[in-house]
Amino acid sequence: MNTSDVLRQRLHNQKLSSSEIENPADVVRWLGAVQAQDYGAAKWALALRMCNATHRQIEEAFNEGRIIRTHLLRPTWHFVAPEDVRWLLELTAPQVNRRSGSGYRMFELDDAVFKRSNKILTKALRGGKHLTRTALKAALNKSGVAADDGVRLAHIMLRAELDGIVCSGPRIGKQFTYALLEERVPPTKPLSRDEALAKLTHRYFRSHGPATLQDFIWWSGLSTADAKRGVELAGEKETRITQIPNRIEHPCHLLPAFDEYFVAYKAREGGLGPTIIINGQTVGTWKRDTATINVNLSKNLNNSEQRAIAKATERYKEFLTSTR
C-alpha cells in the first residue's frame, strides 16, 4: 500500500472524506475516544466527521451527558461515550497513574491523600450537584486537603477522574463543571480484561487504520504486551485494510489542534497545531483571529486547491455561527 492509498484509507476510516454520522456521540463511539484538552478544537473535530453538524448540537450533547470528557488512555482529557467510560478507565487508568507518578510525588500526594480528597469530592457533588473546579478547591481546602496550588489541584482532580469518582458535568456559561461519575453515567456491564483489550483494539484499527502496532501503543497508552494481546484477540482481519474507497466528498479540511488525524499516530506527517490538509496531505496551517481565518500555506496551490480551502474555511465559519 503506497502513501496515497494509506492517506485515502485513513481519511475514509476517520470519517473525514465523507460521513453519514449525524450524532456527535456516534462520532466518539466510532473513534473510541477523541483527545479533548482543547475543548473548542475537539468540538470542531467532531463536527468535521458529521454531516450538517452545528455548534449547538455538539454543545448540547456535552451538557446533557451524551458525551463525557475525562482523563483516560493518556494523561490528557478525552471525549468518550458514557457506556465506554468505565471499562476504558479500568483498562487504561493504571498506566496513566504510573505516568503521573512523578507529579503525584512532587506534590506529596499519596494513596492516603487521594482517599481523603476523593471522599471530600464525593460529598461535595452528591445529589446531582455540578460544581466548578474553584468550588471544589474551596471544599478541599475547608476539609484540610491543600488545593490552592493550581497544579496540585489538577493532580487531585486527575486522580479522582482516573479512580472513577468524577467526570465532566454540564457547562455553566463558559465554565466547566464536575459531576459524580456514578450519578452522571448509567451503570454498564463490566468487561473482562481480554474483552476490553479486544474491543479497544477493534475500535482503533477500524477507525484509524491503516496503522502500526507502535501507533496503537502510542494512542491507547497500553504496554507493548497488552497492545500485542489486543491485536491477537481482535484477530488479523480487524487490523488489516483491504478496500480503498475512491469517494472524497471533502478533499480539504481545516483540522483543529490535536486532531485524531495526526495525534493518533506515533509517526506523523504534520504537527499538532491547526493544520490544513488536502487529500490527506499537509499544505499549511491556519489560525482563527476573532471573525477572520488566516491561512499560511507551505506550498503553491492550483486554482482547484485554492477553491477547496475557501470551501473548507466557509464550512468552519458556518459551524461557528450555527445555532439550531
Protein backbone atom coordinates (compact mmCIF):
# COMPACT_ATOMS: atom_id res chain seq x y z
CA MET A 1 0.00 0.00 0.00
CA ASN A 2 1.55 3.29 -1.08
CA THR A 3 1.37 6.58 0.82
CA SER A 4 -1.55 7.90 -1.23
CA ASP A 5 -3.55 4.74 -0.52
CA VAL A 6 -2.78 4.94 3.20
CA LEU A 7 -3.92 8.57 3.40
CA ARG A 8 -7.09 7.89 1.43
CA GLN A 9 -7.96 4.94 3.64
CA ARG A 10 -7.33 6.93 6.83
CA LEU A 11 -9.49 9.79 5.60
CA HIS A 12 -12.27 7.29 4.93
CA ASN A 13 -11.96 5.41 8.22
CA GLN A 14 -11.74 8.61 10.25
CA LYS A 15 -14.95 9.80 8.55
CA LEU A 16 -13.21 12.82 7.04
CA SER A 17 -13.58 12.14 3.32
CA SER A 18 -17.33 11.69 3.79
CA SER A 19 -19.60 10.80 6.68
CA GLU A 20 -23.17 9.74 7.23
CA ILE A 21 -22.96 10.31 11.01
CA GLU A 22 -25.47 12.83 12.39
CA ASN A 23 -24.95 12.42 16.15
CA PRO A 24 -21.74 13.72 17.82
CA ALA A 25 -21.83 10.87 20.34
CA ASP A 26 -21.72 8.39 17.44
CA VAL A 27 -18.52 10.02 16.17
CA VAL A 28 -16.96 9.49 19.60
CA ARG A 29 -18.15 5.87 19.66
CA TRP A 30 -16.72 5.25 16.22
CA LEU A 31 -13.30 6.67 17.06
CA GLY A 32 -13.21 5.07 20.52
CA ALA A 33 -12.07 8.29 22.21
CA VAL A 34 -11.19 11.79 20.99
CA GLN A 35 -8.41 13.86 22.53
CA ALA A 36 -10.10 16.90 24.05
CA GLN A 37 -7.88 19.05 26.25
CA ASP A 38 -8.71 21.91 23.87
CA TYR A 39 -12.49 21.82 24.16
CA GLY A 40 -13.27 24.12 21.24
CA ALA A 41 -10.88 22.27 18.94
CA ALA A 42 -12.34 18.91 19.98
CA LYS A 43 -15.87 20.07 19.16
CA TRP A 44 -14.73 21.06 15.67
CA ALA A 45 -13.00 17.66 15.33
CA LEU A 46 -16.38 16.01 15.90
CA ALA A 47 -18.16 18.37 13.52
CA LEU A 48 -15.69 17.57 10.71
CA ARG A 49 -16.78 13.94 10.94
CA MET A 50 -20.52 14.65 10.81
CA CYS A 51 -22.95 15.66 8.12
CA ASN A 52 -24.58 19.03 8.81
CA ALA A 53 -23.12 19.46 12.30
CA THR A 54 -23.97 22.54 14.34
CA HIS A 55 -22.18 24.14 17.26
CA ARG A 56 -25.29 23.96 19.44
CA GLN A 57 -25.81 20.28 18.63
CA ILE A 58 -22.40 19.31 19.98
CA GLU A 59 -22.59 21.64 22.97
CA GLU A 60 -25.96 20.16 23.93
CA ALA A 61 -24.64 16.62 23.61
CA PHE A 62 -21.86 17.50 26.04
CA ASN A 63 -24.09 19.34 28.51
CA GLU A 64 -26.65 16.53 28.52
CA GLY A 65 -24.01 13.90 29.23
CA ARG A 66 -24.24 12.12 25.88
CA ILE A 67 -20.53 12.86 25.56
CA ILE A 68 -18.29 12.63 28.63
CA ARG A 69 -14.95 14.41 28.98
CA THR A 70 -12.45 12.80 31.33
CA HIS A 71 -8.89 11.52 31.60
CA LEU A 72 -8.14 8.11 30.11
CA LEU A 73 -5.85 6.40 27.57
CA ARG A 74 -3.10 9.00 28.04
CA PRO A 75 -2.55 11.78 30.62
CA THR A 76 -4.95 14.19 28.95
CA TRP A 77 -8.69 14.77 28.53
CA HIS A 78 -10.68 12.75 26.02
CA PHE A 79 -14.26 12.76 24.82
CA VAL A 80 -15.75 9.31 25.35
CA ALA A 81 -19.20 7.74 25.09
CA PRO A 82 -20.85 7.20 28.51
CA GLU A 83 -21.14 3.43 28.09
CA ASP A 84 -17.38 3.21 27.41
CA VAL A 85 -16.11 5.26 30.36
CA ARG A 86 -15.88 2.54 32.99
CA TRP A 87 -14.20 -0.22 31.01
CA LEU A 88 -11.76 2.24 29.43
CA LEU A 89 -10.85 3.60 32.86
CA GLU A 90 -10.33 0.12 34.27
CA LEU A 91 -8.11 -0.78 31.33
CA THR A 92 -6.04 2.39 30.96
CA ALA A 93 -6.11 4.30 34.28
CA PRO A 94 -3.31 2.24 35.90
CA GLN A 95 -0.93 3.20 33.10
CA VAL A 96 -1.92 6.89 33.28
CA ASN A 97 -1.36 6.82 37.05
CA ARG A 98 2.12 5.37 36.55
CA ARG A 99 2.96 8.12 34.06
CA SER A 100 1.65 10.72 36.52
CA GLY A 101 3.59 9.29 39.46
CA SER A 102 6.35 11.89 39.45
CA GLY A 103 3.76 14.68 39.62
CA TYR A 104 1.97 12.98 42.49
CA ARG A 105 5.22 12.64 44.42
CA MET A 106 6.25 16.23 43.71
CA PHE A 107 3.13 17.49 45.50
CA GLU A 108 3.23 14.85 48.25
CA LEU A 109 0.09 13.16 47.01
CA ASP A 110 -0.16 9.52 48.03
CA ASP A 111 -2.97 6.98 48.38
CA ALA A 112 -3.92 8.30 51.82
CA VAL A 113 -4.33 11.86 50.49
CA PHE A 114 -6.27 10.66 47.45
CA LYS A 115 -8.59 8.62 49.68
CA ARG A 116 -9.39 11.80 51.64
CA SER A 117 -9.73 14.03 48.58
CA ASN A 118 -11.99 11.55 46.79
CA LYS A 119 -14.21 11.36 49.85
CA ILE A 120 -14.43 15.18 50.03
CA LEU A 121 -15.24 15.48 46.32
CA THR A 122 -17.90 12.79 46.58
CA LYS A 123 -19.58 14.56 49.47
CA ALA A 124 -19.47 17.94 47.71
CA LEU A 125 -21.01 16.62 44.49
CA ARG A 126 -23.50 14.13 45.95
CA GLY A 127 -27.12 14.67 44.95
CA GLY A 128 -26.62 15.66 41.33
CA LYS A 129 -24.57 18.78 42.02
CA HIS A 130 -22.37 20.17 39.26
CA LEU A 131 -19.52 22.26 40.65
CA THR A 132 -16.65 24.19 39.09
CA ARG A 133 -13.03 23.48 39.94
CA THR A 134 -12.99 26.69 42.00
CA ALA A 135 -15.88 25.45 44.14
CA LEU A 136 -14.24 22.07 44.62
CA LYS A 137 -10.96 23.73 45.55
CA ALA A 138 -12.79 25.55 48.35
CA ALA A 139 -14.34 22.27 49.54
CA LEU A 140 -10.95 20.55 49.62
CA ASN A 141 -9.26 23.41 51.48
CA LYS A 142 -12.09 23.60 54.00
CA SER A 143 -11.72 19.89 54.75
CA GLY A 144 -7.97 20.02 55.20
CA VAL A 145 -6.60 18.98 51.80
CA ALA A 146 -4.42 21.80 50.47
CA ALA A 147 -5.58 22.76 46.98
CA ASP A 148 -4.54 26.39 46.45
CA ASP A 149 -1.67 25.40 44.17
CA GLY A 150 -3.27 25.03 40.74
CA VAL A 151 -1.02 22.20 39.61
CA ARG A 152 -1.52 20.27 42.85
CA LEU A 153 -5.27 20.68 42.45
CA ALA A 154 -5.03 19.47 38.86
CA HIS A 155 -3.33 16.27 40.05
CA ILE A 156 -6.01 15.76 42.70
CA MET A 157 -8.76 16.10 40.11
CA LEU A 158 -6.86 13.91 37.64
CA ARG A 159 -6.69 11.10 40.20
CA ALA A 160 -10.38 11.50 41.02
CA GLU A 161 -11.20 11.07 37.32
CA LEU A 162 -8.92 8.05 36.98
CA ASP A 163 -10.48 6.49 40.10
CA GLY A 164 -13.92 6.87 38.53
CA ILE A 165 -15.10 9.36 41.16
CA VAL A 166 -15.72 12.41 38.97
CA CYS A 167 -16.21 13.24 35.30
CA SER A 168 -17.44 16.21 33.30
CA GLY A 169 -20.70 17.90 34.18
CA PRO A 170 -22.58 20.46 32.06
CA ARG A 171 -21.02 23.83 31.41
CA ILE A 172 -22.27 26.85 33.33
CA GLY A 173 -21.87 29.60 30.79
CA LYS A 174 -18.31 29.03 29.64
CA GLN A 175 -17.20 27.39 32.89
CA PHE A 176 -16.65 23.65 33.13
CA THR A 177 -18.08 21.65 35.99
CA TYR A 178 -17.52 18.24 37.52
CA ALA A 179 -20.14 15.64 38.39
CA LEU A 180 -20.06 12.31 40.18
CA LEU A 181 -19.47 9.65 37.58
CA GLU A 182 -21.87 7.24 39.32
CA GLU A 183 -24.65 9.85 39.02
CA ARG A 184 -23.74 11.16 35.56
CA VAL A 185 -23.18 7.85 33.76
CA PRO A 186 -25.70 4.97 33.91
CA PRO A 187 -24.35 1.60 35.09
CA THR A 188 -22.88 -0.66 32.41
CA LYS A 189 -21.95 -4.32 32.25
CA PRO A 190 -18.28 -4.79 33.19
CA LEU A 191 -15.87 -6.31 30.68
CA SER A 192 -13.11 -8.79 31.35
CA ARG A 193 -9.61 -7.55 30.62
CA ASP A 194 -9.41 -9.58 27.43
CA GLU A 195 -12.81 -8.30 26.30
CA ALA A 196 -11.69 -4.72 26.91
CA LEU A 197 -8.39 -5.23 25.07
CA ALA A 198 -10.14 -6.75 22.07
CA LYS A 199 -12.77 -4.01 21.99
CA LEU A 200 -10.28 -1.15 22.18
CA THR A 201 -8.07 -2.73 19.52
CA HIS A 202 -11.03 -3.20 17.19
CA ARG A 203 -12.21 0.38 17.73
CA TYR A 204 -8.77 1.82 17.00
CA PHE A 205 -7.94 -0.05 13.81
CA ARG A 206 -11.39 0.21 12.25
CA SER A 207 -11.43 4.00 12.72
CA HIS A 208 -7.75 4.95 12.45
CA GLY A 209 -6.20 2.30 10.22
CA PRO A 210 -4.01 1.62 8.38
CA ALA A 211 -1.81 1.90 11.46
CA THR A 212 1.08 0.09 13.09
CA LEU A 213 1.35 -1.61 16.45
CA GLN A 214 3.51 1.31 17.64
CA ASP A 215 0.76 3.74 16.59
CA PHE A 216 -1.76 1.77 18.64
CA ILE A 217 0.55 1.66 21.67
CA TRP A 218 1.01 5.45 21.49
CA TRP A 219 -2.72 6.18 21.09
CA SER A 220 -4.02 3.71 23.65
CA GLY A 221 -1.38 4.21 26.33
CA LEU A 222 -1.19 0.43 26.70
CA SER A 223 2.00 -1.51 27.33
CA THR A 224 3.53 -3.30 24.36
CA ALA A 225 2.47 -6.65 25.82
CA ASP A 226 -1.15 -5.53 26.26
CA ALA A 227 -1.29 -3.99 22.79
CA LYS A 228 0.03 -7.20 21.22
CA ARG A 229 -2.52 -9.17 23.22
CA GLY A 230 -5.25 -6.87 21.94
CA VAL A 231 -4.19 -7.45 18.33
CA GLU A 232 -4.10 -11.19 18.95
CA LEU A 233 -7.60 -11.14 20.46
CA ALA A 234 -9.10 -8.86 17.81
CA GLY A 235 -7.74 -11.04 15.03
CA GLU A 236 -5.69 -10.19 11.97
CA LYS A 237 -8.74 -9.29 9.89
CA GLU A 238 -9.56 -6.47 12.31
CA THR A 239 -6.19 -4.78 11.82
CA ARG A 240 -5.84 -5.15 8.05
CA ILE A 241 -7.34 -2.87 5.42
CA THR A 242 -8.13 -4.31 2.01
CA GLN A 243 -10.62 -1.91 0.42
CA ILE A 244 -9.61 1.62 -0.57
CA PRO A 245 -12.58 3.95 -1.25
CA ASN A 246 -12.44 6.44 -4.10
CA ARG A 247 -15.14 8.86 -2.95
CA ILE A 248 -13.86 12.01 -1.26
CA GLU A 249 -16.70 14.42 -0.55
CA HIS A 250 -14.47 16.78 1.44
CA PRO A 251 -10.94 16.90 -0.07
CA CYS A 252 -9.81 19.81 2.13
CA HIS A 253 -10.06 20.24 5.90
CA LEU A 254 -9.07 22.83 8.45
CA LEU A 255 -8.03 20.33 11.11
CA PRO A 256 -8.07 21.61 14.70
CA ALA A 257 -5.22 21.28 17.17
CA PHE A 258 -4.73 17.71 18.42
CA ASP A 259 -6.99 16.22 15.77
CA GLU A 260 -7.13 12.43 15.70
CA TYR A 261 -5.88 12.50 12.09
CA PHE A 262 -2.43 13.37 13.44
CA VAL A 263 -2.42 12.73 17.18
CA ALA A 264 -3.48 9.08 16.83
CA TYR A 265 -0.17 8.02 15.25
CA LYS A 266 3.32 7.84 16.72
CA ALA A 267 4.87 8.66 13.34
CA ARG A 268 3.02 11.63 11.91
CA GLU A 269 3.50 13.90 8.92
CA GLY A 270 2.13 17.08 10.44
CA GLY A 271 2.32 18.88 13.74
CA LEU A 272 -0.38 19.01 16.38
CA GLY A 273 -1.48 22.58 15.78
CA PRO A 274 -4.30 23.71 13.44
CA THR A 275 -3.38 22.22 10.06
CA ILE A 276 -4.75 22.43 6.53
CA ILE A 277 -4.84 19.17 4.61
CA ILE A 278 -5.86 18.46 1.02
CA ASN A 279 -6.44 14.80 0.12
CA GLY A 280 -4.79 13.88 3.39
CA GLN A 281 -1.57 15.82 2.83
CA THR A 282 -0.47 18.89 4.79
CA VAL A 283 -0.42 22.09 2.74
CA GLY A 284 -0.25 24.71 5.51
CA THR A 285 -1.54 25.92 8.84
CA TRP A 286 -4.43 28.13 9.88
CA LYS A 287 -5.41 30.37 12.76
CA ARG A 288 -8.65 31.94 13.86
CA ASP A 289 -8.45 35.63 14.72
CA THR A 290 -11.87 36.73 16.01
CA ALA A 291 -14.01 36.56 12.86
CA THR A 292 -11.11 36.06 10.46
CA ILE A 293 -9.47 32.81 9.42
CA ASN A 294 -5.82 33.33 8.49
CA VAL A 295 -4.07 30.65 6.44
CA ASN A 296 -0.34 30.11 5.99
CA LEU A 297 0.42 27.88 3.02
CA SER A 298 3.59 25.81 2.78
CA LYS A 299 3.34 25.22 -0.98
CA ASN A 300 1.90 26.79 -4.11
CA LEU A 301 -1.63 25.62 -4.87
CA ASN A 302 -3.57 25.42 -8.09
CA ASN A 303 -6.98 27.06 -8.54
CA SER A 304 -8.88 23.90 -7.61
CA GLU A 305 -6.94 23.54 -4.35
CA GLN A 306 -7.47 27.20 -3.51
CA ARG A 307 -11.20 26.78 -4.02
CA ALA A 308 -11.14 23.73 -1.76
CA ILE A 309 -9.52 25.77 1.02
CA ALA A 310 -12.10 28.52 0.59
CA LYS A 311 -14.89 25.94 0.87
CA ALA A 312 -13.33 24.36 3.97
CA THR A 313 -12.95 27.80 5.56
CA GLU A 314 -16.58 28.62 4.88
CA ARG A 315 -17.61 25.30 6.42
CA TYR A 316 -15.79 26.20 9.63
CA LYS A 317 -17.34 29.69 9.75
CA GLU A 318 -20.81 28.19 9.28
CA PHE A 319 -20.19 25.81 12.16
CA LEU A 320 -19.13 28.62 14.48
CA THR A 321 -22.30 30.57 13.76
CA SER A 322 -24.72 27.62 13.67
CA THR A 323 -27.29 27.70 16.46
CA ARG A 324 -30.02 25.16 15.68
